[in-house]
Amino acid sequence: MTVRTSQGTRLACGALSAMLWLMGGAAVVNAQTPSPAGSLAPGSEVKAEIRVREGTETVRGLVVSATPEGLGLRSFSNDTVWVEASSLARLEVKRGRTAGAGASRGWKIGAVTLGLPLGLLVAGEADSPGVGFLYGAVAGGLAGSLVGALVGAAIGADSWQRVW
């Protein structure tokens, strides 16, 4: 079946389609606008970064209440704090301890804590201190990162998910 239309009708239909697409896109954007209450249940452990005059301040605690206007948090010193949604710079929810987060943290700590001392030790014994430090730091960093990743994976670390 074919429909014959004039150029003006095609233009009107195209404009109407574009308006509906834009309105539908706006509805999707509005539906996906983050809210501090979005995925938070009472008792969830959160880290909230709050905008203050000098920069930001971090508050950590358990969610007491969550509304689109803000969050009620009980800090670990048992103080209840109300955080306005407009002052939130960042909000993260604790998702438990994971081996991956522990390994990621451990390899960095291990690389620095073994790489730097071994680099200094080798630099003191080498004919060329700069080259000796480089070789020692690389060898110590590699060994330290391996040990740190294994220890970190065994211990685990808190895993945080950004929700705002």
N, C-alpha and C. Protein backbone atom coordinates (compact mmCIF):
# COMPACT_ATOMS: atom_id res chain seq x y z
N MET A 1 0.85 -1.16 0.00
CA MET A 1 0.00 0.00 0.00
C MET A 1 0.90 1.23 0.00
N THR A 2 0.62 2.20 -0.81
CA THR A 2 1.38 3.45 -0.85
C THR A 2 0.46 4.60 -0.49
N VAL A 3 1.06 5.56 0.19
CA VAL A 3 0.30 6.74 0.58
C VAL A 3 0.98 7.93 -0.08
N ARG A 4 0.21 8.71 -0.78
CA ARG A 4 0.75 9.89 -1.42
C ARG A 4 0.50 11.09 -0.53
N THR A 5 1.56 11.81 -0.27
CA THR A 5 1.44 13.01 0.57
C THR A 5 2.14 14.16 -0.11
N SER A 6 1.80 15.33 0.30
CA SER A 6 2.48 16.50 -0.24
C SER A 6 3.74 16.75 0.59
N GLN A 7 4.61 17.61 0.11
CA GLN A 7 5.85 17.95 0.81
C GLN A 7 5.55 18.53 2.18
N GLY A 8 4.53 19.37 2.31
CA GLY A 8 4.18 20.00 3.58
C GLY A 8 3.73 18.96 4.60
N THR A 9 2.99 17.94 4.16
CA THR A 9 2.53 16.91 5.09
C THR A 9 3.72 16.12 5.61
N ARG A 10 4.68 15.79 4.72
CA ARG A 10 5.87 15.06 5.15
C ARG A 10 6.66 15.88 6.16
N LEU A 11 6.77 17.20 5.94
CA LEU A 11 7.49 18.07 6.84
C LEU A 11 6.82 18.11 8.22
N ALA A 12 5.47 18.20 8.22
CA ALA A 12 4.73 18.25 9.48
C ALA A 12 4.90 16.93 10.24
N CYS A 13 4.83 15.82 9.52
CA CYS A 13 5.01 14.51 10.16
C CYS A 13 6.42 14.37 10.72
N GLY A 14 7.41 14.88 9.98
CA GLY A 14 8.79 14.82 10.46
C GLY A 14 8.98 15.67 11.71
N ALA A 15 8.37 16.85 11.72
CA ALA A 15 8.48 17.72 12.89
C ALA A 15 7.78 17.10 14.09
N LEU A 16 6.60 16.50 13.85
CA LEU A 16 5.87 15.85 14.93
C LEU A 16 6.68 14.67 15.48
N SER A 17 7.28 13.89 14.59
CA SER A 17 8.11 12.77 15.04
C SER A 17 9.29 13.24 15.87
N ALA A 18 9.93 14.33 15.43
CA ALA A 18 11.06 14.87 16.17
C ALA A 18 10.63 15.36 17.55
N MET A 19 9.46 16.03 17.63
CA MET A 19 8.97 16.52 18.92
C MET A 19 8.68 15.34 19.85
N LEU A 20 8.03 14.31 19.34
CA LEU A 20 7.72 13.15 20.18
C LEU A 20 9.00 12.46 20.64
N TRP A 21 9.99 12.37 19.75
CA TRP A 21 11.26 11.75 20.13
C TRP A 21 11.94 12.55 21.23
N LEU A 22 11.95 13.90 21.07
CA LEU A 22 12.57 14.74 22.09
C LEU A 22 11.81 14.66 23.41
N MET A 23 10.48 14.64 23.36
CA MET A 23 9.69 14.55 24.59
C MET A 23 9.92 13.20 25.26
N GLY A 24 10.00 12.15 24.46
CA GLY A 24 10.27 10.82 25.02
C GLY A 24 11.66 10.77 25.62
N GLY A 25 12.63 11.41 24.97
CA GLY A 25 13.99 11.46 25.50
C GLY A 25 14.05 12.24 26.80
N ALA A 26 13.27 13.32 26.88
CA ALA A 26 13.24 14.10 28.12
C ALA A 26 12.62 13.29 29.24
N ALA A 27 11.59 12.49 28.91
CA ALA A 27 10.98 11.66 29.94
C ALA A 27 11.97 10.62 30.46
N VAL A 28 12.77 10.05 29.54
CA VAL A 28 13.77 9.07 29.96
C VAL A 28 14.83 9.75 30.81
N VAL A 29 15.27 10.96 30.43
CA VAL A 29 16.27 11.68 31.21
C VAL A 29 15.72 11.99 32.60
N ASN A 30 14.45 12.45 32.67
CA ASN A 30 13.86 12.75 33.97
C ASN A 30 13.72 11.49 34.81
N ALA A 31 13.41 10.37 34.18
CA ALA A 31 13.26 9.13 34.94
C ALA A 31 14.60 8.65 35.47
N GLN A 32 15.71 9.02 34.81
CA GLN A 32 17.01 8.53 35.22
C GLN A 32 17.79 9.56 36.04
N THR A 33 17.18 10.70 36.37
CA THR A 33 17.87 11.68 37.19
C THR A 33 18.14 11.05 38.55
N PRO A 34 19.37 11.05 39.01
CA PRO A 34 19.68 10.37 40.25
C PRO A 34 19.03 11.06 41.44
N SER A 35 18.68 10.26 42.41
CA SER A 35 18.14 10.74 43.66
C SER A 35 18.86 10.02 44.77
N PRO A 36 19.16 10.69 45.86
CA PRO A 36 19.86 10.00 46.94
C PRO A 36 19.04 8.86 47.51
N ALA A 37 17.72 8.89 47.30
CA ALA A 37 16.87 7.83 47.84
C ALA A 37 16.79 6.64 46.90
N GLY A 38 17.33 6.77 45.70
CA GLY A 38 17.18 5.77 44.65
C GLY A 38 17.38 4.33 45.06
N SER A 39 18.58 3.94 45.46
CA SER A 39 18.86 2.53 45.73
C SER A 39 19.31 2.33 47.17
N LEU A 40 18.82 3.16 48.07
CA LEU A 40 19.25 3.07 49.46
C LEU A 40 18.15 2.52 50.34
N ALA A 41 18.51 1.58 51.17
CA ALA A 41 17.59 1.03 52.15
C ALA A 41 18.07 1.43 53.53
N PRO A 42 17.16 1.59 54.48
CA PRO A 42 17.61 1.89 55.84
C PRO A 42 18.59 0.82 56.32
N GLY A 43 19.67 1.27 56.94
CA GLY A 43 20.71 0.36 57.41
C GLY A 43 21.87 0.22 56.47
N SER A 44 21.75 0.75 55.22
CA SER A 44 22.87 0.70 54.27
C SER A 44 23.99 1.59 54.77
N GLU A 45 25.23 1.12 54.63
CA GLU A 45 26.38 1.94 55.01
C GLU A 45 26.76 2.80 53.81
N VAL A 46 26.91 4.10 54.04
CA VAL A 46 27.21 5.03 52.95
C VAL A 46 28.36 5.96 53.32
N LYS A 47 29.01 6.50 52.29
CA LYS A 47 29.96 7.60 52.41
C LYS A 47 29.37 8.75 51.62
N ALA A 48 29.16 9.88 52.26
CA ALA A 48 28.59 11.05 51.59
C ALA A 48 29.63 12.16 51.58
N GLU A 49 29.92 12.68 50.40
CA GLU A 49 30.80 13.83 50.26
C GLU A 49 29.90 15.05 50.12
N ILE A 50 30.03 15.98 51.06
CA ILE A 50 29.13 17.12 51.14
C ILE A 50 29.89 18.39 50.76
N ARG A 51 29.25 19.23 49.95
CA ARG A 51 29.85 20.52 49.58
C ARG A 51 29.75 21.46 50.78
N VAL A 52 30.86 22.01 51.17
CA VAL A 52 30.90 23.04 52.21
C VAL A 52 31.66 24.22 51.65
N ARG A 53 31.72 25.31 52.38
CA ARG A 53 32.32 26.54 51.87
C ARG A 53 33.76 26.35 51.42
N GLU A 54 34.56 25.57 52.16
CA GLU A 54 35.99 25.40 51.85
C GLU A 54 36.26 24.28 50.84
N GLY A 55 35.28 23.51 50.45
CA GLY A 55 35.49 22.37 49.55
C GLY A 55 34.46 21.30 49.82
N THR A 56 34.93 20.12 50.22
CA THR A 56 34.00 19.04 50.56
C THR A 56 34.41 18.41 51.88
N GLU A 57 33.43 17.78 52.52
CA GLU A 57 33.64 17.08 53.77
C GLU A 57 32.99 15.71 53.62
N THR A 58 33.63 14.66 54.12
CA THR A 58 33.09 13.32 54.00
C THR A 58 32.44 12.88 55.30
N VAL A 59 31.22 12.38 55.19
CA VAL A 59 30.48 11.84 56.33
C VAL A 59 30.20 10.38 56.02
N ARG A 60 30.46 9.51 56.99
CA ARG A 60 30.23 8.08 56.80
C ARG A 60 29.27 7.60 57.88
N GLY A 61 28.28 6.81 57.50
CA GLY A 61 27.32 6.32 58.49
C GLY A 61 26.31 5.39 57.88
N LEU A 62 25.28 5.08 58.67
CA LEU A 62 24.20 4.18 58.24
C LEU A 62 22.98 5.01 57.90
N VAL A 63 22.27 4.62 56.84
CA VAL A 63 21.08 5.33 56.40
C VAL A 63 19.95 5.08 57.40
N VAL A 64 19.36 6.18 57.89
CA VAL A 64 18.19 6.09 58.76
C VAL A 64 16.95 6.34 57.92
N SER A 65 17.02 7.35 57.05
CA SER A 65 15.92 7.66 56.14
C SER A 65 16.48 8.22 54.85
N ALA A 66 15.76 7.96 53.76
CA ALA A 66 16.19 8.46 52.45
C ALA A 66 14.97 8.99 51.71
N THR A 67 15.02 10.25 51.33
CA THR A 67 13.96 10.88 50.57
C THR A 67 14.60 11.61 49.39
N PRO A 68 13.81 12.04 48.42
CA PRO A 68 14.39 12.82 47.33
C PRO A 68 15.03 14.13 47.80
N GLU A 69 14.63 14.63 48.96
CA GLU A 69 15.19 15.87 49.49
C GLU A 69 16.53 15.67 50.18
N GLY A 70 16.82 14.45 50.65
CA GLY A 70 18.09 14.22 51.33
C GLY A 70 18.13 12.91 52.07
N LEU A 71 19.14 12.78 52.92
CA LEU A 71 19.38 11.55 53.66
C LEU A 71 19.51 11.82 55.15
N GLY A 72 18.95 10.93 55.94
CA GLY A 72 19.20 10.93 57.37
C GLY A 72 20.23 9.86 57.66
N LEU A 73 21.37 10.22 58.23
CA LEU A 73 22.45 9.28 58.49
C LEU A 73 22.74 9.22 59.98
N ARG A 74 23.03 8.02 60.48
CA ARG A 74 23.54 7.86 61.84
C ARG A 74 25.02 7.59 61.70
N SER A 75 25.82 8.53 62.18
CA SER A 75 27.27 8.37 62.08
C SER A 75 27.72 7.31 63.07
N PHE A 76 28.97 6.90 62.98
CA PHE A 76 29.47 5.83 63.85
C PHE A 76 29.72 6.33 65.27
N SER A 77 29.56 7.65 65.49
CA SER A 77 29.63 8.17 66.85
C SER A 77 28.21 8.36 67.40
N ASN A 78 27.21 7.74 66.73
CA ASN A 78 25.78 7.75 67.09
C ASN A 78 25.12 9.12 66.98
N ASP A 79 25.71 10.05 66.24
CA ASP A 79 25.05 11.32 65.94
C ASP A 79 24.19 11.12 64.70
N THR A 80 22.99 11.72 64.70
CA THR A 80 22.14 11.67 63.52
C THR A 80 22.35 12.95 62.73
N VAL A 81 22.61 12.81 61.44
CA VAL A 81 22.92 13.95 60.57
C VAL A 81 21.95 13.95 59.41
N TRP A 82 21.41 15.11 59.05
CA TRP A 82 20.57 15.26 57.87
C TRP A 82 21.42 15.89 56.78
N VAL A 83 21.48 15.24 55.62
CA VAL A 83 22.27 15.74 54.49
C VAL A 83 21.30 16.11 53.37
N GLU A 84 21.26 17.39 53.03
CA GLU A 84 20.39 17.86 51.95
C GLU A 84 20.90 17.33 50.61
N ALA A 85 20.00 16.93 49.74
CA ALA A 85 20.38 16.42 48.42
C ALA A 85 21.15 17.47 47.63
N SER A 86 20.80 18.74 47.79
CA SER A 86 21.46 19.80 47.04
C SER A 86 22.92 19.99 47.46
N SER A 87 23.28 19.54 48.67
CA SER A 87 24.66 19.71 49.12
C SER A 87 25.52 18.48 48.84
N LEU A 88 24.92 17.41 48.31
CA LEU A 88 25.69 16.20 48.02
C LEU A 88 26.59 16.39 46.81
N ALA A 89 27.86 16.12 46.97
CA ALA A 89 28.79 16.13 45.84
C ALA A 89 28.99 14.71 45.32
N ARG A 90 28.89 13.73 46.23
CA ARG A 90 29.11 12.32 45.86
C ARG A 90 28.50 11.46 46.95
N LEU A 91 27.94 10.31 46.56
CA LEU A 91 27.36 9.37 47.52
C LEU A 91 27.72 7.96 47.07
N GLU A 92 28.32 7.20 47.98
CA GLU A 92 28.71 5.82 47.69
C GLU A 92 28.10 4.89 48.71
N VAL A 93 27.71 3.69 48.25
CA VAL A 93 27.12 2.67 49.12
C VAL A 93 28.10 1.52 49.23
N LYS A 94 28.29 1.04 50.45
CA LYS A 94 29.18 -0.10 50.67
C LYS A 94 28.49 -1.37 50.18
N ARG A 95 29.18 -2.13 49.35
CA ARG A 95 28.63 -3.36 48.79
C ARG A 95 29.30 -4.61 49.38
N GLY A 96 30.03 -4.45 50.48
CA GLY A 96 30.68 -5.59 51.12
C GLY A 96 32.17 -5.59 50.88
N ARG A 97 32.81 -6.65 51.34
CA ARG A 97 34.26 -6.80 51.15
C ARG A 97 34.50 -7.77 50.00
N THR A 98 35.45 -7.42 49.13
CA THR A 98 35.77 -8.29 48.00
C THR A 98 37.27 -8.52 47.90
N ALA A 99 37.62 -9.68 47.36
CA ALA A 99 39.03 -10.01 47.15
C ALA A 99 39.64 -9.10 46.08
N GLY A 100 38.86 -8.75 45.07
CA GLY A 100 39.37 -7.90 43.99
C GLY A 100 39.77 -6.52 44.49
N ALA A 101 38.92 -5.94 45.35
CA ALA A 101 39.25 -4.62 45.91
C ALA A 101 40.48 -4.73 46.81
N GLY A 102 40.60 -5.85 47.54
CA GLY A 102 41.77 -6.06 48.39
C GLY A 102 43.04 -6.22 47.58
N ALA A 103 42.98 -6.98 46.49
CA ALA A 103 44.14 -7.17 45.63
C ALA A 103 44.56 -5.86 44.98
N SER A 104 43.58 -5.06 44.55
CA SER A 104 43.87 -3.77 43.92
C SER A 104 44.57 -2.83 44.90
N ARG A 105 44.13 -2.85 46.12
CA ARG A 105 44.76 -2.00 47.14
C ARG A 105 46.11 -2.58 47.56
N GLY A 106 46.19 -3.89 47.69
CA GLY A 106 47.40 -4.55 48.18
C GLY A 106 48.58 -4.42 47.24
N TRP A 107 48.37 -4.52 45.94
CA TRP A 107 49.53 -4.45 45.03
C TRP A 107 50.16 -3.08 45.06
N LYS A 108 49.34 -2.04 45.24
CA LYS A 108 49.89 -0.68 45.30
C LYS A 108 50.72 -0.48 46.56
N ILE A 109 50.17 -0.94 47.67
CA ILE A 109 50.88 -0.81 48.95
C ILE A 109 52.17 -1.63 48.91
N GLY A 110 52.07 -2.86 48.41
CA GLY A 110 53.24 -3.73 48.34
C GLY A 110 54.33 -3.18 47.44
N ALA A 111 53.96 -2.62 46.30
CA ALA A 111 54.95 -2.09 45.37
C ALA A 111 55.74 -0.95 46.00
N VAL A 112 55.06 -0.07 46.71
CA VAL A 112 55.74 1.07 47.32
C VAL A 112 56.57 0.63 48.53
N THR A 113 55.99 -0.22 49.39
CA THR A 113 56.68 -0.57 50.63
C THR A 113 57.89 -1.48 50.41
N LEU A 114 57.93 -2.21 49.32
CA LEU A 114 59.11 -3.02 49.04
C LEU A 114 59.99 -2.40 47.97
N GLY A 115 59.40 -1.71 47.01
CA GLY A 115 60.17 -1.12 45.92
C GLY A 115 61.09 0.00 46.36
N LEU A 116 60.60 0.91 47.17
CA LEU A 116 61.40 2.04 47.62
C LEU A 116 62.58 1.61 48.50
N PRO A 117 62.36 0.79 49.55
CA PRO A 117 63.51 0.38 50.37
C PRO A 117 64.54 -0.44 49.59
N LEU A 118 64.06 -1.35 48.72
CA LEU A 118 65.01 -2.16 47.96
C LEU A 118 65.79 -1.29 46.97
N GLY A 119 65.13 -0.31 46.39
CA GLY A 119 65.82 0.62 45.50
C GLY A 119 66.91 1.39 46.22
N LEU A 120 66.60 1.85 47.43
CA LEU A 120 67.60 2.58 48.21
C LEU A 120 68.76 1.68 48.63
N LEU A 121 68.44 0.44 48.99
CA LEU A 121 69.46 -0.52 49.40
C LEU A 121 70.42 -0.83 48.25
N VAL A 122 69.88 -1.10 47.07
CA VAL A 122 70.71 -1.41 45.91
C VAL A 122 71.48 -0.18 45.45
N ALA A 123 70.89 0.98 45.54
CA ALA A 123 71.58 2.21 45.13
C ALA A 123 72.82 2.45 45.98
N GLY A 124 72.77 2.11 47.25
CA GLY A 124 73.92 2.30 48.12
C GLY A 124 75.05 1.34 47.83
N GLU A 125 74.77 0.20 47.23
CA GLU A 125 75.78 -0.82 46.94
C GLU A 125 76.29 -0.77 45.50
N ALA A 126 75.59 -0.08 44.62
CA ALA A 126 75.93 -0.08 43.19
C ALA A 126 77.01 0.95 42.86
N ASP A 127 77.70 0.70 41.73
CA ASP A 127 78.70 1.66 41.24
C ASP A 127 78.01 2.95 40.77
N SER A 128 76.85 2.79 40.14
CA SER A 128 76.07 3.94 39.68
C SER A 128 74.78 3.98 40.50
N PRO A 129 74.69 4.88 41.47
CA PRO A 129 73.53 4.89 42.36
C PRO A 129 72.19 5.05 41.65
N GLY A 130 72.15 5.86 40.60
CA GLY A 130 70.89 6.06 39.88
C GLY A 130 70.38 4.79 39.23
N VAL A 131 71.27 4.09 38.54
CA VAL A 131 70.90 2.83 37.88
C VAL A 131 70.59 1.76 38.92
N GLY A 132 71.39 1.72 39.98
CA GLY A 132 71.15 0.75 41.06
C GLY A 132 69.80 0.96 41.70
N PHE A 133 69.44 2.23 41.95
CA PHE A 133 68.13 2.53 42.53
C PHE A 133 67.01 2.08 41.59
N LEU A 134 67.18 2.35 40.30
CA LEU A 134 66.16 1.97 39.32
C LEU A 134 65.96 0.47 39.31
N TYR A 135 67.05 -0.30 39.21
CA TYR A 135 66.94 -1.77 39.19
C TYR A 135 66.32 -2.29 40.49
N GLY A 136 66.77 -1.76 41.62
CA GLY A 136 66.24 -2.21 42.90
C GLY A 136 64.78 -1.86 43.07
N ALA A 137 64.40 -0.66 42.65
CA ALA A 137 63.01 -0.23 42.78
C ALA A 137 62.09 -1.06 41.89
N VAL A 138 62.54 -1.35 40.67
CA VAL A 138 61.72 -2.16 39.76
C VAL A 138 61.58 -3.59 40.29
N ALA A 139 62.68 -4.19 40.69
CA ALA A 139 62.62 -5.56 41.22
C ALA A 139 61.79 -5.62 42.50
N GLY A 140 62.04 -4.67 43.41
CA GLY A 140 61.27 -4.64 44.66
C GLY A 140 59.81 -4.32 44.42
N GLY A 141 59.56 -3.42 43.48
CA GLY A 141 58.17 -3.07 43.16
C GLY A 141 57.40 -4.25 42.60
N LEU A 142 58.04 -5.00 41.70
CA LEU A 142 57.36 -6.18 41.14
C LEU A 142 57.11 -7.25 42.21
N ALA A 143 58.12 -7.53 43.01
CA ALA A 143 57.96 -8.52 44.08
C ALA A 143 56.93 -8.05 45.10
N GLY A 144 57.02 -6.78 45.49
CA GLY A 144 56.07 -6.24 46.46
C GLY A 144 54.65 -6.22 45.96
N SER A 145 54.48 -5.92 44.68
CA SER A 145 53.12 -5.89 44.13
C SER A 145 52.51 -7.28 44.09
N LEU A 146 53.32 -8.29 43.80
CA LEU A 146 52.82 -9.67 43.80
C LEU A 146 52.41 -10.09 45.21
N VAL A 147 53.30 -9.87 46.17
CA VAL A 147 52.99 -10.24 47.55
C VAL A 147 51.81 -9.43 48.07
N GLY A 148 51.79 -8.14 47.79
CA GLY A 148 50.69 -7.28 48.24
C GLY A 148 49.36 -7.68 47.65
N ALA A 149 49.34 -8.06 46.37
CA ALA A 149 48.09 -8.49 45.74
C ALA A 149 47.57 -9.77 46.37
N LEU A 150 48.47 -10.72 46.65
CA LEU A 150 48.05 -11.98 47.28
C LEU A 150 47.52 -11.74 48.69
N VAL A 151 48.23 -10.95 49.46
CA VAL A 151 47.78 -10.66 50.83
C VAL A 151 46.47 -9.86 50.80
N GLY A 152 46.40 -8.87 49.94
CA GLY A 152 45.19 -8.07 49.83
C GLY A 152 43.98 -8.88 49.40
N ALA A 153 44.18 -9.82 48.47
CA ALA A 153 43.07 -10.67 48.03
C ALA A 153 42.61 -11.57 49.17
N ALA A 154 43.54 -12.05 49.98
CA ALA A 154 43.18 -12.92 51.10
C ALA A 154 42.41 -12.14 52.17
N ILE A 155 42.82 -10.91 52.43
CA ILE A 155 42.16 -10.10 53.46
C ILE A 155 40.88 -9.47 52.93
N GLY A 156 40.91 -8.99 51.68
CA GLY A 156 39.76 -8.30 51.10
C GLY A 156 39.76 -6.83 51.49
N ALA A 157 38.90 -6.07 50.87
CA ALA A 157 38.74 -4.65 51.17
C ALA A 157 37.31 -4.25 50.88
N ASP A 158 36.88 -3.16 51.48
CA ASP A 158 35.52 -2.67 51.25
C ASP A 158 35.35 -2.29 49.79
N SER A 159 34.22 -2.68 49.23
CA SER A 159 33.89 -2.32 47.86
C SER A 159 32.76 -1.29 47.90
N TRP A 160 32.98 -0.15 47.24
CA TRP A 160 32.01 0.94 47.26
C TRP A 160 31.48 1.19 45.86
N GLN A 161 30.17 1.47 45.77
CA GLN A 161 29.54 1.77 44.48
C GLN A 161 28.98 3.19 44.53
N ARG A 162 29.35 3.99 43.56
CA ARG A 162 28.84 5.36 43.50
C ARG A 162 27.39 5.35 43.02
N VAL A 163 26.51 5.99 43.77
CA VAL A 163 25.09 6.06 43.40
C VAL A 163 24.63 7.49 43.17
N TRP A 164 25.46 8.48 43.43
CA TRP A 164 25.11 9.89 43.22
C TRP A 164 26.32 10.65 42.79
